[in-house]
Amino acid sequence: MNLQRKLERKNISQKRKEAQKKLAAKVKSIFLPDKCSFCPEPFDRKSKEMSLTWFVMARGDDKVLLCPSCWAKLSVDNPEKA
């Protein structure tokens, strides 16, 4: 195996890990509710999947956290606002 390729893969792997740690730290630092604002579905801040699929609407200091199912319902009811 080529040494240059091995070093390149290691560098890419390190950058990927650093990016994941930064994303996790930013998600933890943002103050968000622990559950969906419209239904009782819990929100896990440590879950990468949830942080990428849930929606946050901010109006001033108020933040509304929406699960994907509630977001879909909101989009159907008000297609011009979603």
Protein backbone atom coordinates (compact mmCIF):
# COMPACT_ATOMS: atom_id res chain seq x y z
CA MET A 1 0.00 0.00 0.00
CA ASN A 2 1.19 3.46 -0.80
CA LEU A 3 2.31 5.44 2.27
CA GLN A 4 0.93 8.69 0.82
CA ARG A 5 -2.55 7.16 0.43
CA LYS A 6 -2.43 5.78 3.97
CA LEU A 7 -1.57 9.21 5.40
CA GLU A 8 -4.29 10.83 3.29
CA ARG A 9 -6.96 8.42 4.61
CA LYS A 10 -5.82 9.01 8.18
CA ASN A 11 -6.06 12.78 7.68
CA ILE A 12 -9.57 12.50 6.21
CA SER A 13 -10.63 10.28 9.12
CA GLN A 14 -9.32 12.78 11.68
CA LYS A 15 -11.12 15.68 9.98
CA ARG A 16 -14.37 13.70 9.93
CA LYS A 17 -14.11 12.93 13.65
CA GLU A 18 -13.35 16.56 14.49
CA ALA A 19 -16.34 17.75 12.44
CA GLN A 20 -18.65 15.29 14.23
CA LYS A 21 -17.39 16.47 17.63
CA LYS A 22 -17.94 20.12 16.66
CA LEU A 23 -21.48 19.38 15.48
CA ALA A 24 -22.28 17.52 18.70
CA ALA A 25 -20.90 20.38 20.80
CA LYS A 26 -22.94 22.97 18.91
CA VAL A 27 -26.15 20.96 19.24
CA LYS A 28 -25.56 20.61 22.99
CA SER A 29 -24.87 24.33 23.42
CA ILE A 30 -28.12 25.44 21.76
CA PHE A 31 -30.98 25.69 24.23
CA LEU A 32 -33.82 23.59 22.84
CA PRO A 33 -36.86 22.00 24.46
CA ASP A 34 -36.66 18.34 25.48
CA LYS A 35 -39.71 17.37 23.43
CA CYS A 36 -41.70 18.42 20.40
CA SER A 37 -43.61 21.66 20.99
CA PHE A 38 -46.87 20.18 19.62
CA CYS A 39 -46.77 16.52 20.68
CA PRO A 40 -45.13 14.62 23.56
CA GLU A 41 -42.44 12.98 21.40
CA PRO A 42 -39.06 13.31 23.21
CA PHE A 43 -36.02 14.92 21.59
CA ASP A 44 -32.59 13.38 22.25
CA ARG A 45 -29.90 16.06 21.89
CA LYS A 46 -27.15 13.45 21.58
CA SER A 47 -28.76 11.78 18.56
CA LYS A 48 -27.25 12.91 15.27
CA GLU A 49 -30.26 11.60 13.34
CA MET A 50 -32.70 13.66 15.41
CA SER A 51 -30.61 16.80 15.09
CA LEU A 52 -30.71 16.43 11.31
CA THR A 53 -34.41 15.51 10.92
CA TRP A 54 -36.17 17.73 13.47
CA PHE A 55 -37.04 21.36 12.72
CA VAL A 56 -36.50 24.51 14.80
CA MET A 57 -38.49 27.68 14.25
CA ALA A 58 -37.20 30.76 16.07
CA ARG A 59 -39.14 33.93 16.67
CA GLY A 60 -37.18 36.32 18.83
CA ASP A 61 -36.12 34.47 21.97
CA ASP A 62 -38.77 31.76 21.56
CA LYS A 63 -37.77 28.51 19.90
CA VAL A 64 -40.29 25.96 18.66
CA LEU A 65 -39.03 22.41 18.16
CA LEU A 66 -40.99 20.23 15.74
CA CYS A 67 -40.72 16.52 15.09
CA PRO A 68 -40.93 15.40 11.44
CA SER A 69 -44.58 14.25 11.75
CA CYS A 70 -45.73 17.56 13.26
CA TRP A 71 -43.73 19.44 10.61
CA ALA A 72 -45.52 17.45 7.90
CA LYS A 73 -48.92 18.31 9.45
CA LEU A 74 -47.96 21.98 9.63
CA SER A 75 -46.76 21.94 6.02
CA VAL A 76 -50.05 20.44 4.84
CA ASP A 77 -52.11 22.99 6.77
CA ASN A 78 -50.06 26.04 5.70
CA PRO A 79 -48.09 25.25 2.52
CA GLU A 80 -47.06 28.90 1.96
CA LYS A 81 -45.45 29.23 5.43
CA ALA A 82 -43.54 25.93 5.48
